[in-house]
Amino acid sequence: MMWYILPFVFPGLFVYLTSDILFVIAIDGVLPEIVLMSLVYFGNSRDRLIGQLTGLVCGLTLDFLSAAPLGFFSLIFTVLGYLAGLSKGKLYVDPVFSPLLLVGVAYFLKSLLTILLAGIFGFPEVRDIVFAGNYFVGLLYTLVLTPLFFAFFKLLDKLMPKRRRGGYQD
């Protein structure tokens, strides 16, 4: 049972933590994208559907906590969850390089989708904020913590394996 709700509990918890509590660990006012790291992990380790649903939960939570229009973050994180789920089974996930590649690409795509949606919603000033000087600080901070988060989630998956019922098993 826990195997099925982990992808929704941890990213949702991380959204709340990054919204207020974790600013103690901010570097130059920038927090690591732990929500994005967990979304990429659960999308890659489960499948596209779980990635989409996790992205939707995270996005809706961020929409309600922020001043963004409803659906702004939901669309971004749902697309990112789907794309992370596409990589399931197509990429060997080693302890360091693959997580860095997956999260780095997701971080860049998140920025591009943010600029695109901000242009559609009529917020041109977002373009200057997204790729500001803090962008690379946030990217590096996120990439440094990515292997640790992937290792933590792999450990959780080993502790709470998916229960299988009878019949043919892969």
N, C-alpha and C. Protein backbone atom coordinates (compact mmCIF):
# COMPACT_ATOMS: atom_id res chain seq x y z
N MET A 1 0.82 -1.20 0.00
CA MET A 1 0.00 0.00 0.00
C MET A 1 0.86 1.26 0.00
N MET A 2 1.90 1.25 0.83
CA MET A 2 2.77 2.44 0.89
C MET A 2 3.48 2.68 -0.43
N TRP A 3 3.75 1.60 -1.19
CA TRP A 3 4.44 1.73 -2.46
C TRP A 3 3.64 2.62 -3.41
N TYR A 4 2.33 2.55 -3.30
CA TYR A 4 1.47 3.32 -4.19
C TYR A 4 1.29 4.77 -3.76
N ILE A 5 1.38 5.06 -2.47
CA ILE A 5 1.16 6.44 -2.04
C ILE A 5 2.45 7.23 -1.83
N LEU A 6 3.60 6.56 -1.84
CA LEU A 6 4.88 7.29 -1.71
C LEU A 6 5.06 8.39 -2.75
N PRO A 7 4.74 8.14 -4.03
CA PRO A 7 4.93 9.20 -5.02
C PRO A 7 4.08 10.44 -4.79
N PHE A 8 3.07 10.33 -3.98
CA PHE A 8 2.22 11.49 -3.73
C PHE A 8 2.52 12.15 -2.40
N VAL A 9 2.95 11.36 -1.43
CA VAL A 9 3.22 11.89 -0.09
C VAL A 9 4.49 12.73 -0.07
N PHE A 10 5.59 12.17 -0.56
CA PHE A 10 6.86 12.89 -0.46
C PHE A 10 6.91 14.17 -1.29
N PRO A 11 6.53 14.15 -2.57
CA PRO A 11 6.56 15.43 -3.29
C PRO A 11 5.62 16.47 -2.70
N GLY A 12 4.45 16.05 -2.25
CA GLY A 12 3.54 17.00 -1.60
C GLY A 12 4.13 17.58 -0.32
N LEU A 13 4.78 16.73 0.45
CA LEU A 13 5.46 17.19 1.66
C LEU A 13 6.58 18.16 1.31
N PHE A 14 7.32 17.86 0.27
CA PHE A 14 8.42 18.74 -0.13
C PHE A 14 7.92 20.10 -0.62
N VAL A 15 6.75 20.13 -1.23
CA VAL A 15 6.18 21.42 -1.64
C VAL A 15 5.95 22.30 -0.43
N TYR A 16 5.36 21.72 0.61
CA TYR A 16 5.12 22.50 1.83
C TYR A 16 6.42 22.91 2.51
N LEU A 17 7.39 22.01 2.53
CA LEU A 17 8.67 22.33 3.18
C LEU A 17 9.40 23.46 2.45
N THR A 18 9.39 23.43 1.13
CA THR A 18 10.10 24.47 0.38
C THR A 18 9.35 25.79 0.36
N SER A 19 8.07 25.75 0.66
CA SER A 19 7.32 27.01 0.64
C SER A 19 7.65 27.90 1.82
N ASP A 20 8.07 27.33 2.93
CA ASP A 20 8.29 28.18 4.09
C ASP A 20 9.43 27.72 4.99
N ILE A 21 9.50 26.46 5.29
CA ILE A 21 10.36 25.96 6.35
C ILE A 21 11.82 25.86 5.94
N LEU A 22 12.10 25.43 4.73
CA LEU A 22 13.48 25.12 4.34
C LEU A 22 14.31 26.33 3.90
N PHE A 23 13.84 27.53 4.10
CA PHE A 23 14.64 28.68 3.69
C PHE A 23 15.89 28.84 4.54
N VAL A 24 16.04 28.02 5.54
CA VAL A 24 17.25 28.03 6.37
C VAL A 24 18.44 27.51 5.56
N ILE A 25 18.18 26.61 4.61
CA ILE A 25 19.27 26.03 3.83
C ILE A 25 19.46 26.72 2.48
N ALA A 26 18.81 27.84 2.28
CA ALA A 26 18.92 28.55 1.00
C ALA A 26 20.32 29.11 0.81
N ILE A 27 20.80 29.01 -0.42
CA ILE A 27 22.08 29.60 -0.79
C ILE A 27 21.78 30.76 -1.73
N ASP A 28 22.18 31.94 -1.33
CA ASP A 28 21.93 33.16 -2.12
C ASP A 28 20.44 33.33 -2.42
N GLY A 29 19.61 32.93 -1.47
CA GLY A 29 18.16 33.05 -1.62
C GLY A 29 17.52 31.98 -2.49
N VAL A 30 18.28 30.95 -2.86
CA VAL A 30 17.78 29.92 -3.76
C VAL A 30 17.76 28.58 -3.03
N LEU A 31 16.64 27.88 -3.17
CA LEU A 31 16.49 26.53 -2.61
C LEU A 31 16.69 25.49 -3.70
N PRO A 32 17.12 24.30 -3.34
CA PRO A 32 17.18 23.24 -4.35
C PRO A 32 15.77 22.80 -4.73
N GLU A 33 15.62 22.32 -5.92
CA GLU A 33 14.32 21.87 -6.41
C GLU A 33 14.05 20.43 -5.97
N ILE A 34 13.78 20.26 -4.68
CA ILE A 34 13.57 18.89 -4.18
C ILE A 34 12.26 18.31 -4.68
N VAL A 35 11.31 19.15 -4.99
CA VAL A 35 10.05 18.66 -5.56
C VAL A 35 10.33 18.09 -6.95
N LEU A 36 11.14 18.77 -7.72
CA LEU A 36 11.49 18.31 -9.05
C LEU A 36 12.30 17.02 -9.00
N MET A 37 13.22 16.92 -8.04
CA MET A 37 14.01 15.70 -7.89
C MET A 37 13.10 14.50 -7.57
N SER A 38 12.17 14.70 -6.66
CA SER A 38 11.28 13.59 -6.29
C SER A 38 10.33 13.25 -7.44
N LEU A 39 9.87 14.25 -8.16
CA LEU A 39 8.99 14.01 -9.31
C LEU A 39 9.71 13.21 -10.38
N VAL A 40 10.94 13.57 -10.67
CA VAL A 40 11.72 12.85 -11.68
C VAL A 40 11.99 11.42 -11.22
N TYR A 41 12.32 11.24 -9.95
CA TYR A 41 12.58 9.88 -9.46
C TYR A 41 11.33 9.02 -9.58
N PHE A 42 10.21 9.50 -9.07
CA PHE A 42 9.01 8.68 -9.07
C PHE A 42 8.47 8.47 -10.48
N GLY A 43 8.63 9.46 -11.36
CA GLY A 43 8.24 9.26 -12.74
C GLY A 43 9.09 8.21 -13.42
N ASN A 44 10.40 8.26 -13.17
CA ASN A 44 11.32 7.32 -13.78
C ASN A 44 11.20 5.92 -13.19
N SER A 45 10.98 5.82 -11.91
CA SER A 45 10.95 4.49 -11.28
C SER A 45 9.58 3.82 -11.40
N ARG A 46 8.52 4.58 -11.57
CA ARG A 46 7.18 3.98 -11.68
C ARG A 46 6.79 3.91 -13.16
N ASP A 47 6.11 4.92 -13.66
CA ASP A 47 5.76 5.00 -15.08
C ASP A 47 5.17 6.37 -15.37
N ARG A 48 4.67 6.54 -16.61
CA ARG A 48 4.15 7.85 -17.03
C ARG A 48 2.93 8.27 -16.23
N LEU A 49 2.03 7.35 -15.96
CA LEU A 49 0.81 7.69 -15.24
C LEU A 49 1.11 8.20 -13.84
N ILE A 50 1.97 7.49 -13.12
CA ILE A 50 2.34 7.93 -11.77
C ILE A 50 3.08 9.26 -11.84
N GLY A 51 3.94 9.43 -12.85
CA GLY A 51 4.64 10.70 -13.02
C GLY A 51 3.68 11.85 -13.26
N GLN A 52 2.68 11.63 -14.09
CA GLN A 52 1.68 12.66 -14.36
C GLN A 52 0.87 12.99 -13.12
N LEU A 53 0.41 11.97 -12.43
CA LEU A 53 -0.41 12.20 -11.24
C LEU A 53 0.39 12.88 -10.13
N THR A 54 1.65 12.48 -9.97
CA THR A 54 2.50 13.13 -8.98
C THR A 54 2.73 14.59 -9.35
N GLY A 55 2.97 14.83 -10.64
CA GLY A 55 3.14 16.21 -11.10
C GLY A 55 1.89 17.04 -10.90
N LEU A 56 0.74 16.44 -11.12
CA LEU A 56 -0.52 17.16 -10.92
C LEU A 56 -0.72 17.52 -9.45
N VAL A 57 -0.44 16.58 -8.55
CA VAL A 57 -0.58 16.84 -7.12
C VAL A 57 0.38 17.95 -6.68
N CYS A 58 1.62 17.85 -7.11
CA CYS A 58 2.61 18.89 -6.76
C CYS A 58 2.21 20.24 -7.34
N GLY A 59 1.80 20.23 -8.61
CA GLY A 59 1.43 21.47 -9.27
C GLY A 59 0.22 22.14 -8.64
N LEU A 60 -0.80 21.35 -8.32
CA LEU A 60 -1.98 21.94 -7.66
C LEU A 60 -1.63 22.52 -6.30
N THR A 61 -0.77 21.80 -5.58
CA THR A 61 -0.35 22.32 -4.28
C THR A 61 0.41 23.64 -4.43
N LEU A 62 1.31 23.70 -5.40
CA LEU A 62 2.04 24.94 -5.66
C LEU A 62 1.12 26.05 -6.15
N ASP A 63 0.12 25.70 -6.96
CA ASP A 63 -0.84 26.70 -7.43
C ASP A 63 -1.59 27.34 -6.27
N PHE A 64 -1.99 26.52 -5.32
CA PHE A 64 -2.73 27.06 -4.18
C PHE A 64 -1.85 27.85 -3.22
N LEU A 65 -0.55 27.50 -3.17
CA LEU A 65 0.36 28.20 -2.25
C LEU A 65 0.98 29.46 -2.85
N SER A 66 0.90 29.62 -4.15
CA SER A 66 1.55 30.75 -4.80
C SER A 66 0.52 31.72 -5.36
N ALA A 67 1.02 32.78 -5.93
CA ALA A 67 0.14 33.78 -6.53
C ALA A 67 -0.06 33.53 -8.02
N ALA A 68 0.43 32.41 -8.50
CA ALA A 68 0.30 32.08 -9.93
C ALA A 68 -1.16 31.72 -10.24
N PRO A 69 -1.54 31.88 -11.50
CA PRO A 69 -2.90 31.47 -11.88
C PRO A 69 -3.10 29.98 -11.67
N LEU A 70 -4.30 29.60 -11.34
CA LEU A 70 -4.60 28.19 -11.10
C LEU A 70 -4.36 27.39 -12.37
N GLY A 71 -3.55 26.38 -12.27
CA GLY A 71 -3.21 25.55 -13.41
C GLY A 71 -1.82 25.81 -13.97
N PHE A 72 -1.19 26.89 -13.54
CA PHE A 72 0.14 27.26 -14.05
C PHE A 72 1.17 26.18 -13.71
N PHE A 73 1.36 25.91 -12.44
CA PHE A 73 2.32 24.90 -12.02
C PHE A 73 1.79 23.49 -12.27
N SER A 74 0.48 23.33 -12.26
CA SER A 74 -0.10 22.01 -12.53
C SER A 74 0.28 21.53 -13.91
N LEU A 75 0.18 22.39 -14.89
CA LEU A 75 0.52 22.01 -16.25
C LEU A 75 2.02 21.71 -16.37
N ILE A 76 2.84 22.57 -15.79
CA ILE A 76 4.29 22.40 -15.87
C ILE A 76 4.72 21.07 -15.25
N PHE A 77 4.28 20.80 -14.04
CA PHE A 77 4.71 19.60 -13.35
C PHE A 77 4.07 18.33 -13.91
N THR A 78 2.88 18.43 -14.47
CA THR A 78 2.27 17.27 -15.11
C THR A 78 3.04 16.88 -16.36
N VAL A 79 3.44 17.86 -17.15
CA VAL A 79 4.26 17.59 -18.34
C VAL A 79 5.61 17.00 -17.93
N LEU A 80 6.23 17.57 -16.91
CA LEU A 80 7.53 17.06 -16.46
C LEU A 80 7.42 15.64 -15.90
N GLY A 81 6.34 15.35 -15.19
CA GLY A 81 6.12 14.00 -14.68
C GLY A 81 5.92 13.00 -15.80
N TYR A 82 5.20 13.41 -16.84
CA TYR A 82 5.00 12.53 -17.99
C TYR A 82 6.32 12.26 -18.69
N LEU A 83 7.11 13.30 -18.90
CA LEU A 83 8.41 13.13 -19.56
C LEU A 83 9.36 12.28 -18.73
N ALA A 84 9.32 12.43 -17.41
CA ALA A 84 10.15 11.59 -16.55
C ALA A 84 9.70 10.14 -16.64
N GLY A 85 8.40 9.92 -16.73
CA GLY A 85 7.88 8.57 -16.86
C GLY A 85 8.23 7.91 -18.19
N LEU A 86 8.44 8.73 -19.23
CA LEU A 86 8.85 8.17 -20.52
C LEU A 86 10.22 7.50 -20.45
N SER A 87 11.05 7.94 -19.51
CA SER A 87 12.40 7.40 -19.42
C SER A 87 12.45 6.06 -18.68
N LYS A 88 11.33 5.62 -18.13
CA LYS A 88 11.33 4.34 -17.39
C LYS A 88 11.65 3.19 -18.33
N GLY A 89 12.67 2.43 -17.97
CA GLY A 89 13.06 1.29 -18.75
C GLY A 89 13.90 1.60 -19.97
N LYS A 90 14.05 2.86 -20.31
CA LYS A 90 14.83 3.23 -21.49
C LYS A 90 16.21 3.77 -21.13
N LEU A 91 16.43 3.94 -19.83
CA LEU A 91 17.69 4.53 -19.37
C LEU A 91 18.14 3.77 -18.13
N TYR A 92 19.38 3.32 -18.17
CA TYR A 92 19.93 2.67 -16.98
C TYR A 92 20.23 3.75 -15.95
N VAL A 93 19.65 3.62 -14.78
CA VAL A 93 19.83 4.63 -13.74
C VAL A 93 20.93 4.19 -12.80
N ASP A 94 22.12 4.73 -13.04
CA ASP A 94 23.24 4.48 -12.15
C ASP A 94 23.14 5.44 -10.96
N PRO A 95 24.02 5.32 -9.97
CA PRO A 95 23.87 6.17 -8.78
C PRO A 95 24.11 7.66 -9.00
N VAL A 96 24.89 8.06 -10.02
CA VAL A 96 25.25 9.47 -10.13
C VAL A 96 24.86 10.10 -11.46
N PHE A 97 25.36 9.58 -12.57
CA PHE A 97 25.24 10.29 -13.84
C PHE A 97 23.81 10.40 -14.34
N SER A 98 23.08 9.30 -14.36
CA SER A 98 21.70 9.33 -14.87
C SER A 98 20.79 10.26 -14.08
N PRO A 99 20.82 10.22 -12.74
CA PRO A 99 20.00 11.19 -12.01
C PRO A 99 20.37 12.64 -12.34
N LEU A 100 21.67 12.91 -12.48
CA LEU A 100 22.08 14.28 -12.82
C LEU A 100 21.55 14.68 -14.19
N LEU A 101 21.61 13.77 -15.14
CA LEU A 101 21.12 14.06 -16.48
C LEU A 101 19.61 14.28 -16.47
N LEU A 102 18.87 13.39 -15.83
CA LEU A 102 17.41 13.49 -15.80
C LEU A 102 16.95 14.77 -15.11
N VAL A 103 17.53 15.07 -13.95
CA VAL A 103 17.10 16.25 -13.20
C VAL A 103 17.58 17.53 -13.89
N GLY A 104 18.77 17.51 -14.48
CA GLY A 104 19.26 18.68 -15.20
C GLY A 104 18.38 19.04 -16.38
N VAL A 105 17.98 18.04 -17.15
CA VAL A 105 17.08 18.28 -18.28
C VAL A 105 15.71 18.75 -17.78
N ALA A 106 15.21 18.14 -16.72
CA ALA A 106 13.90 18.54 -16.17
C ALA A 106 13.96 19.98 -15.64
N TYR A 107 15.07 20.36 -15.03
CA TYR A 107 15.23 21.72 -14.51
C TYR A 107 15.18 22.74 -15.65
N PHE A 108 15.89 22.42 -16.73
CA PHE A 108 15.91 23.32 -17.89
C PHE A 108 14.53 23.38 -18.54
N LEU A 109 13.85 22.22 -18.70
CA LEU A 109 12.52 22.21 -19.29
C LEU A 109 11.51 22.94 -18.43
N LYS A 110 11.67 22.84 -17.12
CA LYS A 110 10.78 23.58 -16.21
C LYS A 110 10.92 25.08 -16.44
N SER A 111 12.13 25.53 -16.63
CA SER A 111 12.36 26.95 -16.89
C SER A 111 11.75 27.38 -18.22
N LEU A 112 11.95 26.56 -19.26
CA LEU A 112 11.37 26.89 -20.56
C LEU A 112 9.84 26.90 -20.53
N LEU A 113 9.25 25.90 -19.87
CA LEU A 113 7.79 25.87 -19.76
C LEU A 113 7.27 27.04 -18.95
N THR A 114 8.01 27.45 -17.93
CA THR A 114 7.60 28.60 -17.14
C THR A 114 7.58 29.87 -17.99
N ILE A 115 8.61 30.05 -18.80
CA ILE A 115 8.65 31.23 -19.67
C ILE A 115 7.53 31.19 -20.70
N LEU A 116 7.29 30.02 -21.27
CA LEU A 116 6.24 29.88 -22.27
C LEU A 116 4.86 30.17 -21.69
N LEU A 117 4.56 29.57 -20.54
CA LEU A 117 3.25 29.80 -19.92
C LEU A 117 3.11 31.22 -19.39
N ALA A 118 4.18 31.80 -18.90
CA ALA A 118 4.11 33.18 -18.43
C ALA A 118 3.81 34.12 -19.59
N GLY A 119 4.36 33.81 -20.76
CA GLY A 119 4.03 34.61 -21.94
C GLY A 119 2.58 34.47 -22.35
N ILE A 120 2.06 33.25 -22.24
CA ILE A 120 0.66 33.01 -22.59
C ILE A 120 -0.27 33.71 -21.59
N PHE A 121 0.07 33.63 -20.29
CA PHE A 121 -0.76 34.26 -19.27
C PHE A 121 -0.55 35.77 -19.18
N GLY A 122 0.45 36.29 -19.87
CA GLY A 122 0.67 37.73 -19.89
C GLY A 122 1.53 38.24 -18.74
N PHE A 123 2.56 37.50 -18.37
CA PHE A 123 3.51 37.93 -17.35
C PHE A 123 4.91 38.01 -17.95
N PRO A 124 5.22 39.05 -18.74
CA PRO A 124 6.52 39.10 -19.43
C PRO A 124 7.70 39.28 -18.48
N GLU A 125 7.47 39.79 -17.28
CA GLU A 125 8.58 40.00 -16.36
C GLU A 125 9.14 38.69 -15.79
N VAL A 126 8.42 37.59 -15.95
CA VAL A 126 8.88 36.30 -15.46
C VAL A 126 10.12 35.85 -16.23
N ARG A 127 10.21 36.21 -17.52
CA ARG A 127 11.34 35.81 -18.35
C ARG A 127 12.66 36.27 -17.75
N ASP A 128 12.68 37.50 -17.23
CA ASP A 128 13.91 38.03 -16.63
C ASP A 128 14.23 37.34 -15.31
N ILE A 129 13.23 36.89 -14.61
CA ILE A 129 13.45 36.25 -13.30
C ILE A 129 13.94 34.82 -13.46
N VAL A 130 13.42 34.09 -14.44
CA VAL A 130 13.73 32.66 -14.57
C VAL A 130 15.20 32.43 -14.86
N PHE A 131 15.75 33.13 -15.83
CA PHE A 131 17.15 32.91 -16.19
C PHE A 131 18.05 34.00 -15.62
N ALA A 132 17.79 34.42 -14.40
CA ALA A 132 18.62 35.42 -13.73
C ALA A 132 19.91 34.75 -13.24
N GLY A 133 20.75 35.50 -12.55
CA GLY A 133 22.01 34.97 -12.05
C GLY A 133 21.83 33.83 -11.06
N ASN A 134 20.72 33.81 -10.36
CA ASN A 134 20.46 32.75 -9.39
C ASN A 134 20.07 31.43 -10.05
N TYR A 135 19.80 31.47 -11.33
CA TYR A 135 19.39 30.25 -12.04
C TYR A 135 20.47 29.16 -11.93
N PHE A 136 21.70 29.54 -12.17
CA PHE A 136 22.78 28.56 -12.15
C PHE A 136 23.13 28.13 -10.73
N VAL A 137 22.93 29.00 -9.76
CA VAL A 137 23.12 28.61 -8.37
C VAL A 137 22.10 27.54 -7.99
N GLY A 138 20.84 27.76 -8.38
CA GLY A 138 19.79 26.78 -8.11
C GLY A 138 20.02 25.47 -8.85
N LEU A 139 20.48 25.57 -10.09
CA LEU A 139 20.77 24.36 -10.87
C LEU A 139 21.88 23.55 -10.22
N LEU A 140 22.97 24.19 -9.85
CA LEU A 140 24.08 23.48 -9.22
C LEU A 140 23.70 22.91 -7.86
N TYR A 141 22.97 23.70 -7.09
CA TYR A 141 22.52 23.25 -5.77
C TYR A 141 21.63 22.00 -5.92
N THR A 142 20.74 22.03 -6.89
CA THR A 142 19.86 20.90 -7.14
C THR A 142 20.65 19.68 -7.60
N LEU A 143 21.59 19.90 -8.51
CA LEU A 143 22.37 18.78 -9.04
C LEU A 143 23.29 18.15 -7.99
N VAL A 144 23.79 18.94 -7.06
CA VAL A 144 24.63 18.39 -5.99
C VAL A 144 23.82 17.47 -5.08
N LEU A 145 22.58 17.83 -4.82
CA LEU A 145 21.75 17.02 -3.92
C LEU A 145 21.01 15.87 -4.61
N THR A 146 20.98 15.87 -5.92
CA THR A 146 20.22 14.86 -6.67
C THR A 146 20.64 13.42 -6.36
N PRO A 147 21.93 13.06 -6.40
CA PRO A 147 22.27 11.66 -6.10
C PRO A 147 21.87 11.23 -4.69
N LEU A 148 21.91 12.17 -3.73
CA LEU A 148 21.51 11.83 -2.37
C LEU A 148 20.02 11.53 -2.29
N PHE A 149 19.20 12.34 -2.97
CA PHE A 149 17.76 12.11 -2.96
C PHE A 149 17.40 10.83 -3.69
N PHE A 150 18.05 10.55 -4.81
CA PHE A 150 17.77 9.31 -5.53
C PHE A 150 18.14 8.11 -4.68
N ALA A 151 19.26 8.18 -3.97
CA ALA A 151 19.67 7.07 -3.09
C ALA A 151 18.65 6.89 -1.96
N PHE A 152 18.16 8.00 -1.40
CA PHE A 152 17.16 7.93 -0.34
C PHE A 152 15.88 7.26 -0.83
N PHE A 153 15.42 7.66 -2.01
CA PHE A 153 14.18 7.08 -2.55
C PHE A 153 14.37 5.62 -2.96
N LYS A 154 15.55 5.26 -3.45
CA LYS A 154 15.81 3.85 -3.77
C LYS A 154 15.79 3.00 -2.50
N LEU A 155 16.32 3.55 -1.43
CA LEU A 155 16.28 2.85 -0.15
C LEU A 155 14.84 2.66 0.31
N LEU A 156 14.02 3.69 0.17
CA LEU A 156 12.60 3.55 0.52
C LEU A 156 11.91 2.50 -0.33
N ASP A 157 12.25 2.45 -1.61
CA ASP A 157 11.64 1.44 -2.48
C ASP A 157 12.03 0.03 -2.07
N LYS A 158 13.25 -0.13 -1.59
CA LYS A 158 13.69 -1.45 -1.13
C LYS A 158 13.02 -1.83 0.18
N LEU A 159 12.79 -0.85 1.05
CA LEU A 159 12.15 -1.13 2.33
C LEU A 159 10.67 -1.41 2.18
N MET A 160 10.03 -0.78 1.19
CA MET A 160 8.60 -0.97 0.97
C MET A 160 8.35 -1.43 -0.45
N PRO A 161 8.65 -2.69 -0.75
CA PRO A 161 8.48 -3.17 -2.13
C PRO A 161 7.01 -3.29 -2.49
N LYS A 162 6.77 -3.32 -3.78
CA LYS A 162 5.41 -3.48 -4.28
C LYS A 162 4.95 -4.90 -4.02
N ARG A 163 3.79 -5.03 -3.40
CA ARG A 163 3.23 -6.36 -3.15
C ARG A 163 2.61 -6.87 -4.43
N ARG A 164 2.97 -8.07 -4.76
CA ARG A 164 2.42 -8.69 -5.97
C ARG A 164 1.48 -9.81 -5.57
N ARG A 165 0.45 -9.96 -6.34
CA ARG A 165 -0.47 -11.05 -6.10
C ARG A 165 -0.10 -12.22 -6.99
N GLY A 166 -0.85 -13.26 -6.93
CA GLY A 166 -0.54 -14.47 -7.69
C GLY A 166 -0.53 -14.25 -9.18
N GLY A 167 -0.15 -15.28 -9.91
CA GLY A 167 -0.10 -15.19 -11.35
C GLY A 167 1.31 -14.99 -11.85
N TYR A 168 1.42 -14.73 -13.11
CA TYR A 168 2.73 -14.54 -13.73
C TYR A 168 3.35 -13.23 -13.28
N GLN A 169 4.61 -13.28 -12.89
CA GLN A 169 5.33 -12.08 -12.45
C GLN A 169 6.48 -11.82 -13.39
N ASP A 170 6.77 -10.57 -13.66
CA ASP A 170 7.89 -10.20 -14.54
C ASP A 170 9.20 -10.55 -13.90
